[in-house]
């Protein structure tokens, strides 16, 4: 998957994750993309730990994995912010 694919998957995953965690108001497009891309790495790592596949290309599975990782990342960030 090329850089354009990572940007698109990252933007969608970051936006969906920010909607799920309630962070949408304070996040812009740049933060959504960044969270989604980092979420792709976190989600891929988590899926590999349980025996699944991580990011497999530009498809729905990769969007799901990146969104899962982005939700995990935003939950960790929210927990740190509350302390």
Protein backbone atom coordinates (compact mmCIF):
# COMPACT_ATOMS: atom_id res chain seq x y z
CA UNK A 1 0.00 0.00 0.00
CA UNK A 2 1.42 3.37 -1.00
CA UNK A 3 1.53 6.62 0.89
CA UNK A 4 -1.80 7.77 -0.57
CA UNK A 5 -3.43 4.56 0.70
CA UNK A 6 -1.98 5.10 4.17
CA UNK A 7 -3.26 8.69 4.20
CA UNK A 8 -6.78 7.67 3.14
CA UNK A 9 -7.00 4.69 5.53
CA UNK A 10 -5.45 6.84 8.29
CA UNK A 11 -7.89 9.67 7.77
CA UNK A 12 -10.93 7.37 7.78
CA UNK A 13 -9.71 5.28 10.74
CA UNK A 14 -8.78 8.38 12.75
CA UNK A 15 -12.11 10.03 12.06
CA UNK A 16 -14.12 6.91 12.97
CA UNK A 17 -12.05 6.39 16.12
CA UNK A 18 -12.48 10.01 17.18
CA UNK A 19 -16.26 9.66 16.74
CA UNK A 20 -16.27 6.45 18.83
CA UNK A 21 -14.18 7.94 21.66
CA UNK A 22 -15.83 11.37 21.63
CA UNK A 23 -12.68 13.26 20.63
CA UNK A 24 -14.05 14.60 17.34
CA UNK A 25 -14.49 18.20 18.52
CA UNK A 26 -10.81 18.77 19.35
CA UNK A 27 -9.31 16.83 16.42
CA UNK A 28 -8.79 18.20 12.96
CA UNK A 29 -7.94 16.42 9.73
CA UNK A 30 -4.22 16.32 10.46
CA UNK A 31 -4.66 14.75 13.87
CA UNK A 32 -7.16 12.25 12.47
CA UNK A 33 -4.67 11.15 9.82
CA UNK A 34 -1.84 10.90 12.35
CA UNK A 35 -3.96 8.93 14.84
CA UNK A 36 -5.19 6.65 12.06
CA UNK A 37 -1.70 5.88 10.77
CA UNK A 38 -0.34 5.22 14.26
CA UNK A 39 -3.49 3.22 14.93
CA UNK A 40 -2.68 1.09 11.90
CA UNK A 41 0.62 0.10 13.49
CA UNK A 42 -0.96 -0.51 16.90
CA UNK A 43 -3.85 -2.47 15.41
CA UNK A 44 -1.50 -4.52 13.22
CA UNK A 45 0.65 -5.34 16.23
CA UNK A 46 -2.40 -6.29 18.33
CA UNK A 47 -3.81 -8.50 15.57
CA UNK A 48 -0.46 -10.25 15.12
CA UNK A 49 -0.36 -10.96 18.86
CA UNK A 50 -3.66 -12.83 18.70
CA UNK A 51 -2.75 -14.66 15.50
CA UNK A 52 -4.59 -12.52 12.96
CA UNK A 53 -3.44 -10.38 10.09
CA UNK A 54 -2.60 -6.72 10.31
CA UNK A 55 -2.85 -4.20 7.50
CA UNK A 56 -3.24 -6.21 4.29
CA UNK A 57 -3.70 -3.45 1.74
CA UNK A 58 -6.36 -0.95 0.79
CA UNK A 59 -9.47 -2.83 1.97
CA UNK A 60 -12.14 -3.00 4.68
CA UNK A 61 -10.06 -5.32 6.89
CA UNK A 62 -7.20 -2.81 6.98
CA UNK A 63 -9.67 -0.03 7.84
CA UNK A 64 -11.04 -2.16 10.69
CA UNK A 65 -7.55 -2.93 12.05
CA UNK A 66 -6.44 0.72 11.82
CA UNK A 67 -9.67 1.89 13.49
CA UNK A 68 -9.21 -0.64 16.30
CA UNK A 69 -5.66 0.58 16.86
CA UNK A 70 -6.73 4.24 16.71
CA UNK A 71 -9.46 3.61 19.30
CA UNK A 72 -6.87 1.97 21.58
CA UNK A 73 -4.53 4.94 21.08
CA UNK A 74 -7.24 7.53 21.80
CA UNK A 75 -8.40 5.65 24.91
CA UNK A 76 -4.83 5.67 26.22
CA UNK A 77 -4.48 9.39 25.43
CA UNK A 78 -7.81 10.14 27.16
CA UNK A 79 -6.73 8.17 30.25
CA UNK A 80 -3.44 10.09 30.43
CA UNK A 81 -5.20 13.45 29.97
CA UNK A 82 -7.59 12.78 32.86
CA UNK A 83 -4.75 12.25 35.36
